[in-house]
Amino acid sequence: MKPIVFEYLSSREFLKDYYHYRKSIDESFSFQKWSHELGLKNKTLLRLIIAGKRNVTDFIIDRMCLQIFEKEIERDYFCHLVIYSQSKSKEEKKSAGRKITSLLKMNIEARSISEKKIFLRKALIPRLFSLLDLHQIRKTPENLSRILLTDIADIHFCLATLQELNLVQEFDGEYVCNSGAFFVSTELGNEDLLNYHKESLQDAIRAQALPKDLRRYGSAVALLDKEQRQLMMSRIEETIHQFMEQGNIKTGNSKRLFQMNINIHAVSEEITESAGTERSPASDLE
């Protein structure tokens, strides 16, 4: 069975078990083959790392995160696990330990609703859910309708959906969260998820009417190979994670709820080196 990174407090123990896992499903797998997959010239480095004779470098961390993990929270945990396992600084080790504890709690408490397709009925639902965790506002349907600039009938529909998922409950006319976090399946090709993104993109188009300080559009075109594509996808996930972490800071005044949609897609057929094309990215920011 593939090792689960959240079950480890030592990065070396995790990597050792991951190596044995790969070996169990492919007898030809070796440290040399793994080094080649990660783009390492030193074929003995991984063996030395697992033996505790060498440290994991930032370059290797980035490569392993792309290869081993599917979720950003797993990558984040592994990065801090490496720091926790290797650092000789008490303060750095203590800080990494606090982050590990926080990520463990987040992973345990987060509600997986990948099978609950009704969560994707409206783009309004996650926006509403985000507000229900705030303490400084009255969470009545009327006040939520005013804040989200939407019809109260839509608010009642979304609240009923969240209650059906057991994510919120009502107390004296106000609604509170049963869970502080949630995950929605990102399975490619999921029709409900595609419809959700379509609705979000339509909202983004309508947002052109907002003042410029309340919206931002950007566009770029670049030639990428498979490895560069994977790296960019990883960085996009990291950006989304950082965006959400900022939203977890509940203190402060004069805040608004913002939504970020990031889209990256192919606009050409595969171009081989024999085509003699140059990599000259073009960009246009408003």
C-alpha atoms as a PDB file:
ATOM      1  CA  MET A   1       0.000   0.000   0.000  1.00  0.00           C
ATOM      2  CA  LYS A   2       1.263   3.482  -0.838  1.00  0.00           C
ATOM      3  CA  PRO A   3       2.414   5.191   2.381  1.00  0.00           C
ATOM      4  CA  ILE A   4       0.304   8.097   3.657  1.00  0.00           C
ATOM      5  CA  VAL A   5       2.545  11.047   4.468  1.00  0.00           C
ATOM      6  CA  PHE A   6       0.304  12.245   7.340  1.00  0.00           C
ATOM      7  CA  GLU A   7       1.152   9.065   9.245  1.00  0.00           C
ATOM      8  CA  TYR A   8       4.859  10.018   9.500  1.00  0.00           C
ATOM      9  CA  LEU A   9       6.906  12.314  11.731  1.00  0.00           C
ATOM     10  CA  SER A  10      10.151  11.512   9.907  1.00  0.00           C
ATOM     11  CA  SER A  11      10.714  12.376   6.255  1.00  0.00           C
ATOM     12  CA  ARG A  12      13.374   9.667   5.942  1.00  0.00           C
ATOM     13  CA  GLU A  13      11.034   6.965   7.250  1.00  0.00           C
ATOM     14  CA  PHE A  14       8.393   8.081   4.770  1.00  0.00           C
ATOM     15  CA  LEU A  15      10.848   8.045   1.853  1.00  0.00           C
ATOM     16  CA  LYS A  16      12.145   4.616   2.892  1.00  0.00           C
ATOM     17  CA  ASP A  17       8.606   3.201   2.930  1.00  0.00           C
ATOM     18  CA  TYR A  18       7.804   4.923  -0.371  1.00  0.00           C
ATOM     19  CA  TYR A  19      10.868   3.268  -1.923  1.00  0.00           C
ATOM     20  CA  HIS A  20       9.763  -0.167  -0.676  1.00  0.00           C
ATOM     21  CA  TYR A  21       6.242   0.527  -1.971  1.00  0.00           C
ATOM     22  CA  ARG A  22       7.578   1.284  -5.460  1.00  0.00           C
ATOM     23  CA  LYS A  23       9.776  -1.801  -5.265  1.00  0.00           C
ATOM     24  CA  SER A  24       6.772  -3.960  -4.333  1.00  0.00           C
ATOM     25  CA  ILE A  25       4.903  -2.988  -7.502  1.00  0.00           C
ATOM     26  CA  ASP A  26       7.953  -2.936  -9.802  1.00  0.00           C
ATOM     27  CA  GLU A  27      10.829  -5.301  -9.032  1.00  0.00           C
ATOM     28  CA  SER A  28      13.105  -3.395 -11.420  1.00  0.00           C
ATOM     29  CA  PHE A  29      12.698  -0.190  -9.403  1.00  0.00           C
ATOM     30  CA  SER A  30      15.983   0.963  -7.851  1.00  0.00           C
ATOM     31  CA  PHE A  31      17.619   4.045  -6.365  1.00  0.00           C
ATOM     32  CA  GLN A  32      19.278   4.604  -9.731  1.00  0.00           C
ATOM     33  CA  LYS A  33      15.937   4.477 -11.535  1.00  0.00           C
ATOM     34  CA  TRP A  34      14.341   6.782  -8.954  1.00  0.00           C
ATOM     35  CA  SER A  35      17.234   9.232  -9.326  1.00  0.00           C
ATOM     36  CA  HIS A  36      16.684   9.248 -13.090  1.00  0.00           C
ATOM     37  CA  GLU A  37      12.950   9.965 -12.609  1.00  0.00           C
ATOM     38  CA  LEU A  38      13.781  12.919 -10.366  1.00  0.00           C
ATOM     39  CA  GLY A  39      16.455  14.257 -12.722  1.00  0.00           C
ATOM     40  CA  LEU A  40      19.354  13.682 -10.299  1.00  0.00           C
ATOM     41  CA  LYS A  41      22.857  13.187 -11.672  1.00  0.00           C
ATOM     42  CA  ASN A  42      24.144  11.638  -8.424  1.00  0.00           C
ATOM     43  CA  LYS A  43      22.731   8.109  -8.505  1.00  0.00           C
ATOM     44  CA  THR A  44      23.670   7.328  -4.881  1.00  0.00           C
ATOM     45  CA  LEU A  45      22.234  10.503  -3.295  1.00  0.00           C
ATOM     46  CA  LEU A  46      18.791   9.064  -2.524  1.00  0.00           C
ATOM     47  CA  ARG A  47      20.309   6.036  -0.789  1.00  0.00           C
ATOM     48  CA  LEU A  48      22.453   8.376   1.346  1.00  0.00           C
ATOM     49  CA  ILE A  49      19.439  10.564   2.190  1.00  0.00           C
ATOM     50  CA  ILE A  50      17.366   7.628   3.425  1.00  0.00           C
ATOM     51  CA  ALA A  51      20.370   6.363   5.390  1.00  0.00           C
ATOM     52  CA  GLY A  52      20.564   9.741   7.127  1.00  0.00           C
ATOM     53  CA  LYS A  53      23.964  10.632   5.674  1.00  0.00           C
ATOM     54  CA  ARG A  54      22.756  13.463   3.419  1.00  0.00           C
ATOM     55  CA  ASN A  55      19.959  16.008   3.652  1.00  0.00           C
ATOM     56  CA  VAL A  56      17.073  16.461   1.244  1.00  0.00           C
ATOM     57  CA  THR A  57      17.695  19.616  -0.819  1.00  0.00           C
ATOM     58  CA  ASP A  58      15.069  22.106  -1.980  1.00  0.00           C
ATOM     59  CA  PHE A  59      15.497  20.845  -5.548  1.00  0.00           C
ATOM     60  CA  ILE A  60      14.771  17.259  -4.502  1.00  0.00           C
ATOM     61  CA  ILE A  61      11.799  18.374  -2.391  1.00  0.00           C
ATOM     62  CA  ASP A  62      10.260  20.114  -5.413  1.00  0.00           C
ATOM     63  CA  ARG A  63      10.810  17.058  -7.623  1.00  0.00           C
ATOM     64  CA  MET A  64       9.415  14.646  -5.055  1.00  0.00           C
ATOM     65  CA  CYS A  65       6.365  16.809  -4.437  1.00  0.00           C
ATOM     66  CA  LEU A  66       5.532  16.698  -8.140  1.00  0.00           C
ATOM     67  CA  GLN A  67       6.083  12.949  -8.374  1.00  0.00           C
ATOM     68  CA  ILE A  68       4.626  11.570  -5.164  1.00  0.00           C
ATOM     69  CA  PHE A  69       1.738  13.789  -4.059  1.00  0.00           C
ATOM     70  CA  GLU A  70      -1.570  14.714  -5.651  1.00  0.00           C
ATOM     71  CA  LYS A  71      -2.847  17.269  -3.125  1.00  0.00           C
ATOM     72  CA  GLU A  72      -1.268  20.555  -2.113  1.00  0.00           C
ATOM     73  CA  ILE A  73      -1.846  19.824   1.576  1.00  0.00           C
ATOM     74  CA  GLU A  74       0.272  16.655   1.199  1.00  0.00           C
ATOM     75  CA  ARG A  75       3.080  18.609  -0.449  1.00  0.00           C
ATOM     76  CA  ASP A  76       2.909  21.262   2.251  1.00  0.00           C
ATOM     77  CA  TYR A  77       3.060  18.624   4.980  1.00  0.00           C
ATOM     78  CA  PHE A  78       6.033  16.867   3.375  1.00  0.00           C
ATOM     79  CA  CYS A  79       7.984  20.131   2.983  1.00  0.00           C
ATOM     80  CA  HIS A  80       7.561  20.960   6.674  1.00  0.00           C
ATOM     81  CA  LEU A  81       8.234  17.345   7.620  1.00  0.00           C
ATOM     82  CA  VAL A  82      11.638  17.606   5.922  1.00  0.00           C
ATOM     83  CA  ILE A  83      12.420  20.786   7.867  1.00  0.00           C
ATOM     84  CA  TYR A  84      11.240  19.171  11.106  1.00  0.00           C
ATOM     85  CA  SER A  85      13.376  16.075  10.452  1.00  0.00           C
ATOM     86  CA  GLN A  86      16.561  17.833   9.314  1.00  0.00           C
ATOM     87  CA  SER A  87      16.786  21.194  11.040  1.00  0.00           C
ATOM     88  CA  LYS A  88      19.327  21.692  13.824  1.00  0.00           C
ATOM     89  CA  SER A  89      17.731  25.001  14.835  1.00  0.00           C
ATOM     90  CA  LYS A  90      15.360  24.615  17.792  1.00  0.00           C
ATOM     91  CA  GLU A  91      13.217  27.550  16.672  1.00  0.00           C
ATOM     92  CA  GLU A  92      12.990  26.322  13.076  1.00  0.00           C
ATOM     93  CA  LYS A  93      12.161  22.819  14.257  1.00  0.00           C
ATOM     94  CA  LYS A  94       9.510  24.166  16.655  1.00  0.00           C
ATOM     95  CA  SER A  95       7.944  26.280  13.905  1.00  0.00           C
ATOM     96  CA  ALA A  96       7.845  23.311  11.499  1.00  0.00           C
ATOM     97  CA  GLY A  97       6.315  21.172  14.251  1.00  0.00           C
ATOM     98  CA  ARG A  98       3.499  23.687  14.778  1.00  0.00           C
ATOM     99  CA  LYS A  99       2.808  23.740  11.031  1.00  0.00           C
ATOM    100  CA  ILE A 100       2.759  19.935  10.892  1.00  0.00           C
ATOM    101  CA  THR A 101       0.265  19.851  13.765  1.00  0.00           C
ATOM    102  CA  SER A 102      -1.913  22.425  11.998  1.00  0.00           C
ATOM    103  CA  LEU A 103      -1.886  20.476   8.729  1.00  0.00           C
ATOM    104  CA  LEU A 104      -2.692  17.216  10.528  1.00  0.00           C
ATOM    105  CA  LYS A 105      -5.666  18.867  12.178  1.00  0.00           C
ATOM    106  CA  MET A 106      -6.795  20.317   8.869  1.00  0.00           C
ATOM    107  CA  ASN A 107      -6.552  16.925   7.177  1.00  0.00           C
ATOM    108  CA  ILE A 108      -8.523  15.208   9.943  1.00  0.00           C
ATOM    109  CA  GLU A 109     -11.243  17.843  10.300  1.00  0.00           C
ATOM    110  CA  ALA A 110     -11.778  18.568   6.632  1.00  0.00           C
ATOM    111  CA  ARG A 111     -14.970  17.049   5.333  1.00  0.00           C
ATOM    112  CA  SER A 112     -14.570  15.031   2.170  1.00  0.00           C
ATOM    113  CA  ILE A 113     -17.712  15.472   0.127  1.00  0.00           C
ATOM    114  CA  SER A 114     -16.411  14.158  -3.180  1.00  0.00           C
ATOM    115  CA  GLU A 115     -19.515  11.998  -3.569  1.00  0.00           C
ATOM    116  CA  LYS A 116     -21.886  14.818  -2.625  1.00  0.00           C
ATOM    117  CA  LYS A 117     -22.531  16.251  -6.054  1.00  0.00           C
ATOM    118  CA  ILE A 118     -25.243  18.509  -4.695  1.00  0.00           C
ATOM    119  CA  PHE A 119     -22.512  20.736  -3.247  1.00  0.00           C
ATOM    120  CA  LEU A 120     -21.769  21.791  -6.832  1.00  0.00           C
ATOM    121  CA  ARG A 121     -25.308  22.907  -7.576  1.00  0.00           C
ATOM    122  CA  LYS A 122     -24.400  26.598  -7.345  1.00  0.00           C
ATOM    123  CA  ALA A 123     -21.184  28.607  -7.240  1.00  0.00           C
ATOM    124  CA  LEU A 124     -22.888  30.561  -4.451  1.00  0.00           C
ATOM    125  CA  ILE A 125     -22.740  27.586  -2.033  1.00  0.00           C
ATOM    126  CA  PRO A 126     -18.994  27.679  -1.151  1.00  0.00           C
ATOM    127  CA  ARG A 127     -19.151  31.487  -0.916  1.00  0.00           C
ATOM    128  CA  LEU A 128     -21.984  31.269   1.555  1.00  0.00           C
ATOM    129  CA  PHE A 129     -20.212  28.516   3.497  1.00  0.00           C
ATOM    130  CA  SER A 130     -17.123  30.738   3.801  1.00  0.00           C
ATOM    131  CA  LEU A 131     -19.161  33.463   5.503  1.00  0.00           C
ATOM    132  CA  LEU A 132     -20.786  31.122   8.000  1.00  0.00           C
ATOM    133  CA  ASP A 133     -17.469  30.677   9.810  1.00  0.00           C
ATOM    134  CA  LEU A 134     -17.253  34.409  10.651  1.00  0.00           C
ATOM    135  CA  HIS A 135     -18.094  35.674  14.126  1.00  0.00           C
ATOM    136  CA  GLN A 136     -18.437  39.393  13.383  1.00  0.00           C
ATOM    137  CA  ILE A 137     -21.582  39.176  11.225  1.00  0.00           C
ATOM    138  CA  ARG A 138     -25.180  38.133  11.818  1.00  0.00           C
ATOM    139  CA  LYS A 139     -25.736  34.961   9.829  1.00  0.00           C
ATOM    140  CA  THR A 140     -29.439  35.297   9.143  1.00  0.00           C
ATOM    141  CA  PRO A 141     -30.683  34.615   5.598  1.00  0.00           C
ATOM    142  CA  GLU A 142     -31.592  38.289   5.229  1.00  0.00           C
ATOM    143  CA  ASN A 143     -28.144  39.569   6.214  1.00  0.00           C
ATOM    144  CA  LEU A 144     -26.337  36.941   4.144  1.00  0.00           C
ATOM    145  CA  SER A 145     -28.456  37.906   1.145  1.00  0.00           C
ATOM    146  CA  ARG A 146     -27.418  41.553   1.597  1.00  0.00           C
ATOM    147  CA  ILE A 147     -23.698  40.752   1.956  1.00  0.00           C
ATOM    148  CA  LEU A 148     -23.579  38.396  -1.042  1.00  0.00           C
ATOM    149  CA  LEU A 149     -25.692  40.704  -3.218  1.00  0.00           C
ATOM    150  CA  THR A 150     -28.079  37.927  -4.146  1.00  0.00           C
ATOM    151  CA  ASP A 151     -31.740  37.033  -3.866  1.00  0.00           C
ATOM    152  CA  ILE A 152     -32.835  35.646  -0.505  1.00  0.00           C
ATOM    153  CA  ALA A 153     -34.486  32.682  -2.236  1.00  0.00           C
ATOM    154  CA  ASP A 154     -31.037  31.599  -3.474  1.00  0.00           C
ATOM    155  CA  ILE A 155     -29.680  31.929   0.074  1.00  0.00           C
ATOM    156  CA  HIS A 156     -32.447  29.689   1.437  1.00  0.00           C
ATOM    157  CA  PHE A 157     -31.727  27.119  -1.298  1.00  0.00           C
ATOM    158  CA  CYS A 158     -27.985  27.081  -0.515  1.00  0.00           C
ATOM    159  CA  LEU A 159     -28.577  26.884   3.243  1.00  0.00           C
ATOM    160  CA  ALA A 160     -30.893  23.916   2.713  1.00  0.00           C
ATOM    161  CA  THR A 161     -28.186  22.239   0.609  1.00  0.00           C
ATOM    162  CA  LEU A 162     -25.550  22.794   3.313  1.00  0.00           C
ATOM    163  CA  GLN A 163     -27.927  21.426   5.950  1.00  0.00           C
ATOM    164  CA  GLU A 164     -28.540  18.362   3.779  1.00  0.00           C
ATOM    165  CA  LEU A 165     -24.771  17.793   3.764  1.00  0.00           C
ATOM    166  CA  ASN A 166     -24.683  18.300   7.541  1.00  0.00           C
ATOM    167  CA  LEU A 167     -22.187  21.120   7.090  1.00  0.00           C
ATOM    168  CA  VAL A 168     -24.281  23.769   8.865  1.00  0.00           C
ATOM    169  CA  GLN A 169     -27.029  23.967  11.464  1.00  0.00           C
ATOM    170  CA  GLU A 170     -29.495  26.622  12.581  1.00  0.00           C
ATOM    171  CA  PHE A 171     -29.627  28.258  16.014  1.00  0.00           C
ATOM    172  CA  ASP A 172     -32.246  30.938  16.774  1.00  0.00           C
ATOM    173  CA  GLY A 173     -32.574  32.023  13.149  1.00  0.00           C
ATOM    174  CA  GLU A 174     -28.803  32.108  12.453  1.00  0.00           C
ATOM    175  CA  TYR A 175     -26.633  29.479  10.763  1.00  0.00           C
ATOM    176  CA  VAL A 176     -23.261  28.130  11.963  1.00  0.00           C
ATOM    177  CA  CYS A 177     -20.730  25.683  10.505  1.00  0.00           C
ATOM    178  CA  ASN A 178     -20.356  22.122  11.695  1.00  0.00           C
ATOM    179  CA  SER A 179     -17.013  21.915   9.878  1.00  0.00           C
ATOM    180  CA  GLY A 180     -14.374  24.557   9.289  1.00  0.00           C
ATOM    181  CA  ALA A 181     -13.118  23.097   6.004  1.00  0.00           C
ATOM    182  CA  PHE A 182     -14.220  20.964   3.082  1.00  0.00           C
ATOM    183  CA  PHE A 183     -12.814  19.288  -0.008  1.00  0.00           C
ATOM    184  CA  VAL A 184     -14.547  18.842  -3.332  1.00  0.00           C
ATOM    185  CA  SER A 185     -13.346  16.184  -5.759  1.00  0.00           C
ATOM    186  CA  THR A 186     -11.193  17.611  -8.554  1.00  0.00           C
ATOM    187  CA  GLU A 187     -11.656  14.549 -10.726  1.00  0.00           C
ATOM    188  CA  LEU A 188     -11.104  15.614 -14.321  1.00  0.00           C
ATOM    189  CA  GLY A 189     -14.160  15.219 -16.511  1.00  0.00           C
ATOM    190  CA  ASN A 190     -16.650  15.426 -13.645  1.00  0.00           C
ATOM    191  CA  GLU A 191     -19.684  17.019 -15.325  1.00  0.00           C
ATOM    192  CA  ASP A 192     -20.943  18.659 -12.125  1.00  0.00           C
ATOM    193  CA  LEU A 193     -17.536  20.177 -11.456  1.00  0.00           C
ATOM    194  CA  LEU A 194     -17.302  21.459 -15.028  1.00  0.00           C
ATOM    195  CA  ASN A 195     -20.720  23.107 -14.684  1.00  0.00           C
ATOM    196  CA  TYR A 196     -19.597  24.684 -11.414  1.00  0.00           C
ATOM    197  CA  HIS A 197     -16.514  26.192 -13.095  1.00  0.00           C
ATOM    198  CA  LYS A 198     -18.628  27.368 -16.005  1.00  0.00           C
ATOM    199  CA  GLU A 199     -20.902  29.283 -13.634  1.00  0.00           C
ATOM    200  CA  SER A 200     -17.882  30.750 -11.821  1.00  0.00           C
ATOM    201  CA  LEU A 201     -16.389  31.915 -15.119  1.00  0.00           C
ATOM    202  CA  GLN A 202     -19.669  33.547 -16.110  1.00  0.00           C
ATOM    203  CA  ASP A 203     -19.594  35.430 -12.802  1.00  0.00           C
ATOM    204  CA  ALA A 204     -16.026  36.510 -13.558  1.00  0.00           C
ATOM    205  CA  ILE A 205     -17.139  37.942 -16.914  1.00  0.00           C
ATOM    206  CA  ARG A 206     -19.914  39.907 -15.211  1.00  0.00           C
ATOM    207  CA  ALA A 207     -17.323  41.209 -12.736  1.00  0.00           C
ATOM    208  CA  GLN A 208     -15.882  43.406 -15.497  1.00  0.00           C
ATOM    209  CA  ALA A 209     -18.426  45.981 -14.339  1.00  0.00           C
ATOM    210  CA  LEU A 210     -16.691  46.240 -10.944  1.00  0.00           C
ATOM    211  CA  PRO A 211     -14.105  48.947 -10.192  1.00  0.00           C
ATOM    212  CA  LYS A 212     -10.584  47.900 -11.189  1.00  0.00           C
ATOM    213  CA  ASP A 213      -9.404  47.691  -7.594  1.00  0.00           C
ATOM    214  CA  LEU A 214     -12.003  44.963  -6.990  1.00  0.00           C
ATOM    215  CA  ARG A 215     -11.136  42.679  -9.916  1.00  0.00           C
ATOM    216  CA  ARG A 216      -8.094  41.637 -11.885  1.00  0.00           C
ATOM    217  CA  TYR A 217      -7.680  39.845 -15.219  1.00  0.00           C
ATOM    218  CA  GLY A 218      -4.439  38.468 -16.623  1.00  0.00           C
ATOM    219  CA  SER A 219      -3.450  36.516 -19.701  1.00  0.00           C
ATOM    220  CA  ALA A 220      -0.242  34.863 -20.925  1.00  0.00           C
ATOM    221  CA  VAL A 221       0.793  32.513 -23.729  1.00  0.00           C
ATOM    222  CA  ALA A 222       3.908  30.318 -23.528  1.00  0.00           C
ATOM    223  CA  LEU A 223       5.349  27.117 -24.991  1.00  0.00           C
ATOM    224  CA  LEU A 224       5.684  24.441 -22.292  1.00  0.00           C
ATOM    225  CA  ASP A 225       6.893  20.863 -22.335  1.00  0.00           C
ATOM    226  CA  LYS A 226       5.424  18.179 -20.048  1.00  0.00           C
ATOM    227  CA  GLU A 227       7.817  18.828 -17.158  1.00  0.00           C
ATOM    228  CA  GLN A 228       7.305  22.601 -17.300  1.00  0.00           C
ATOM    229  CA  ARG A 229       3.538  22.032 -17.435  1.00  0.00           C
ATOM    230  CA  GLN A 230       3.618  19.887 -14.298  1.00  0.00           C
ATOM    231  CA  LEU A 231       5.720  22.493 -12.511  1.00  0.00           C
ATOM    232  CA  MET A 232       3.279  25.269 -13.418  1.00  0.00           C
ATOM    233  CA  MET A 233       0.319  23.149 -12.274  1.00  0.00           C
ATOM    234  CA  SER A 234       2.066  22.629  -8.943  1.00  0.00           C
ATOM    235  CA  ARG A 235       2.705  26.357  -8.550  1.00  0.00           C
ATOM    236  CA  ILE A 236      -0.899  27.136  -9.418  1.00  0.00           C
ATOM    237  CA  GLU A 237      -2.075  24.767  -6.677  1.00  0.00           C
ATOM    238  CA  GLU A 238       0.357  26.460  -4.269  1.00  0.00           C
ATOM    239  CA  THR A 239      -1.034  29.890  -5.213  1.00  0.00           C
ATOM    240  CA  ILE A 240      -4.590  28.687  -4.571  1.00  0.00           C
ATOM    241  CA  HIS A 241      -3.520  27.250  -1.217  1.00  0.00           C
ATOM    242  CA  GLN A 242      -1.892  30.573  -0.223  1.00  0.00           C
ATOM    243  CA  PHE A 243      -5.006  32.452  -1.338  1.00  0.00           C
ATOM    244  CA  MET A 244      -7.151  30.251   0.911  1.00  0.00           C
ATOM    245  CA  GLU A 245      -4.722  30.603   3.825  1.00  0.00           C
ATOM    246  CA  GLN A 246      -5.122  34.381   3.659  1.00  0.00           C
ATOM    247  CA  GLY A 247      -8.875  33.871   3.836  1.00  0.00           C
ATOM    248  CA  ASN A 248      -8.447  31.829   7.013  1.00  0.00           C
ATOM    249  CA  ILE A 249      -7.306  34.982   8.842  1.00  0.00           C
ATOM    250  CA  LYS A 250     -10.648  36.058  10.270  1.00  0.00           C
ATOM    251  CA  THR A 251      -9.507  39.197  12.097  1.00  0.00           C
ATOM    252  CA  GLY A 252      -9.419  42.706  10.642  1.00  0.00           C
ATOM    253  CA  ASN A 253     -11.971  45.162   9.294  1.00  0.00           C
ATOM    254  CA  SER A 254     -13.255  46.203   5.872  1.00  0.00           C
ATOM    255  CA  LYS A 255     -12.942  42.820   4.202  1.00  0.00           C
ATOM    256  CA  ARG A 256     -14.695  41.477   1.121  1.00  0.00           C
ATOM    257  CA  LEU A 257     -15.190  37.956  -0.138  1.00  0.00           C
ATOM    258  CA  PHE A 258     -13.134  37.364  -3.297  1.00  0.00           C
ATOM    259  CA  GLN A 259     -13.137  34.449  -5.709  1.00  0.00           C
ATOM    260  CA  MET A 260     -10.124  33.458  -7.804  1.00  0.00           C
ATOM    261  CA  ASN A 261     -10.516  31.415 -11.013  1.00  0.00           C
ATOM    262  CA  ILE A 262      -7.328  30.173 -12.694  1.00  0.00           C
ATOM    263  CA  ASN A 263      -7.481  28.581 -16.136  1.00  0.00           C
ATOM    264  CA  ILE A 264      -4.685  27.015 -18.161  1.00  0.00           C
ATOM    265  CA  HIS A 265      -5.318  25.061 -21.355  1.00  0.00           C
ATOM    266  CA  ALA A 266      -3.629  24.039 -24.607  1.00  0.00           C
ATOM    267  CA  VAL A 267      -4.239  26.246 -27.662  1.00  0.00           C
ATOM    268  CA  SER A 268      -2.159  24.322 -30.196  1.00  0.00           C
ATOM    269  CA  GLU A 269      -1.172  20.867 -31.299  1.00  0.00           C
ATOM    270  CA  GLU A 270       2.090  19.392 -29.973  1.00  0.00           C
ATOM    271  CA  ILE A 271       5.093  21.161 -31.497  1.00  0.00           C
ATOM    272  CA  THR A 272       8.264  19.107 -31.927  1.00  0.00           C
ATOM    273  CA  GLU A 273      11.807  20.456 -31.937  1.00  0.00           C
ATOM    274  CA  SER A 274      12.021  19.766 -35.650  1.00  0.00           C
ATOM    275  CA  ALA A 275       9.426  22.473 -36.200  1.00  0.00           C
ATOM    276  CA  GLY A 276      12.112  25.006 -35.331  1.00  0.00           C
ATOM    277  CA  THR A 277       9.850  27.210 -33.247  1.00  0.00           C
ATOM    278  CA  GLU A 278      11.150  29.671 -30.656  1.00  0.00           C
ATOM    279  CA  ARG A 279       9.903  29.913 -27.096  1.00  0.00           C
ATOM    280  CA  SER A 280       8.852  33.522 -26.904  1.00  0.00           C
ATOM    281  CA  PRO A 281       6.099  33.994 -24.323  1.00  0.00           C
ATOM    282  CA  ALA A 282       3.630  36.773 -24.825  1.00  0.00           C
ATOM    283  CA  SER A 283       1.679  38.407 -22.043  1.00  0.00           C
ATOM    284  CA  ASP A 284      -1.058  40.952 -21.624  1.00  0.00           C
ATOM    285  CA  LEU A 285      -2.186  42.239 -18.245  1.00  0.00           C
ATOM    286  CA  GLU A 286      -5.011  44.689 -17.711  1.00  0.00           C
END
